[in-house]
N, C-alpha and C. Protein backbone atom coordinates (compact mmCIF):
# COMPACT_ATOMS: atom_id res chain seq x y z
N MET A 1 39.45 -7.93 11.09
CA MET A 1 38.33 -8.69 10.60
C MET A 1 37.07 -8.28 11.35
N ILE A 2 37.07 -8.21 12.64
CA ILE A 2 35.95 -7.81 13.42
C ILE A 2 35.53 -6.43 13.16
N GLU A 3 36.58 -5.56 13.01
CA GLU A 3 36.32 -4.23 12.68
C GLU A 3 35.46 -4.01 11.30
N LEU A 4 35.96 -4.77 10.37
CA LEU A 4 35.30 -4.91 9.05
C LEU A 4 33.81 -5.29 9.18
N LEU A 5 33.57 -6.37 10.00
CA LEU A 5 32.24 -6.78 10.25
C LEU A 5 31.38 -5.75 10.91
N GLN A 6 32.02 -5.00 11.82
CA GLN A 6 31.22 -3.91 12.54
C GLN A 6 30.94 -2.84 11.53
N ARG A 7 31.85 -2.49 10.63
CA ARG A 7 31.60 -1.46 9.60
C ARG A 7 30.45 -1.86 8.77
N ASN A 8 30.53 -3.18 8.30
CA ASN A 8 29.44 -3.76 7.44
C ASN A 8 28.05 -3.63 8.15
N ALA A 9 28.02 -3.93 9.38
CA ALA A 9 26.78 -3.89 10.25
C ALA A 9 26.25 -2.45 10.18
N GLU A 10 27.20 -1.50 10.41
CA GLU A 10 26.72 -0.20 10.34
C GLU A 10 26.16 0.28 9.08
N ILE A 11 26.85 -0.12 7.97
CA ILE A 11 26.31 0.20 6.63
C ILE A 11 24.95 -0.38 6.39
N ASP A 12 24.84 -1.65 6.82
CA ASP A 12 23.56 -2.36 6.65
C ASP A 12 22.45 -1.62 7.36
N ALA A 13 22.73 -1.15 8.58
CA ALA A 13 21.73 -0.42 9.45
C ALA A 13 21.35 0.92 8.74
N ASN A 14 22.36 1.58 8.33
CA ASN A 14 22.09 2.90 7.58
C ASN A 14 21.20 2.64 6.31
N CYS A 15 21.50 1.56 5.57
CA CYS A 15 20.75 1.19 4.40
C CYS A 15 19.37 0.89 4.81
N LEU A 16 19.12 0.03 5.86
CA LEU A 16 17.77 -0.22 6.37
C LEU A 16 17.08 1.00 6.70
N TYR A 17 17.68 1.93 7.50
CA TYR A 17 17.04 3.09 7.90
C TYR A 17 16.67 4.05 6.70
N THR A 18 17.47 4.06 5.71
CA THR A 18 17.23 4.86 4.57
C THR A 18 15.96 4.23 3.82
N LYS A 19 16.00 2.96 3.65
CA LYS A 19 14.82 2.33 3.01
C LYS A 19 13.57 2.53 3.84
N ALA A 20 13.59 2.48 5.10
CA ALA A 20 12.39 2.62 5.89
C ALA A 20 11.92 4.09 5.79
N LYS A 21 12.89 5.04 5.79
CA LYS A 21 12.50 6.44 5.66
C LYS A 21 11.83 6.71 4.19
N THR A 22 12.47 6.11 3.15
CA THR A 22 11.91 6.28 1.80
C THR A 22 10.52 5.66 1.75
N LEU A 23 10.38 4.44 2.34
CA LEU A 23 9.07 3.79 2.38
C LEU A 23 8.01 4.72 3.01
N SER A 24 8.36 5.24 4.16
CA SER A 24 7.35 6.06 4.93
C SER A 24 7.01 7.34 4.11
N ILE A 25 8.01 7.88 3.47
CA ILE A 25 7.68 9.01 2.57
C ILE A 25 6.78 8.67 1.53
N VAL A 26 7.18 7.57 0.82
CA VAL A 26 6.27 7.19 -0.29
C VAL A 26 4.82 6.92 0.18
N SER A 27 4.67 6.19 1.22
CA SER A 27 3.33 5.93 1.74
C SER A 27 2.61 7.19 2.10
N VAL A 28 3.23 8.14 2.70
CA VAL A 28 2.60 9.47 3.05
C VAL A 28 2.08 10.13 1.72
N VAL A 29 3.07 10.11 0.70
CA VAL A 29 2.76 10.68 -0.60
C VAL A 29 1.46 10.02 -1.21
N PHE A 30 1.45 8.62 -1.22
CA PHE A 30 0.37 7.90 -1.67
C PHE A 30 -0.92 8.27 -1.02
N ALA A 31 -0.84 8.37 0.34
CA ALA A 31 -2.06 8.65 1.17
C ALA A 31 -2.50 10.02 0.88
N TYR A 32 -1.54 10.99 0.68
CA TYR A 32 -1.87 12.41 0.42
C TYR A 32 -2.66 12.42 -1.00
N MET A 33 -2.13 11.64 -1.97
CA MET A 33 -2.64 11.73 -3.39
C MET A 33 -4.11 11.00 -3.34
N SER A 34 -4.24 9.99 -2.59
CA SER A 34 -5.51 9.27 -2.66
C SER A 34 -6.71 10.02 -1.99
N VAL A 35 -6.36 11.01 -1.15
CA VAL A 35 -7.49 11.72 -0.44
C VAL A 35 -8.04 12.72 -1.44
């Protein structure tokens, strides 16, 4: 049970990391286009 929770936490962390990376790329693209 604890192992499952740890695995879920790792997946959530990866998901958050991916979302943050995507957001930063999108914001860079928007900044580049608006210039």
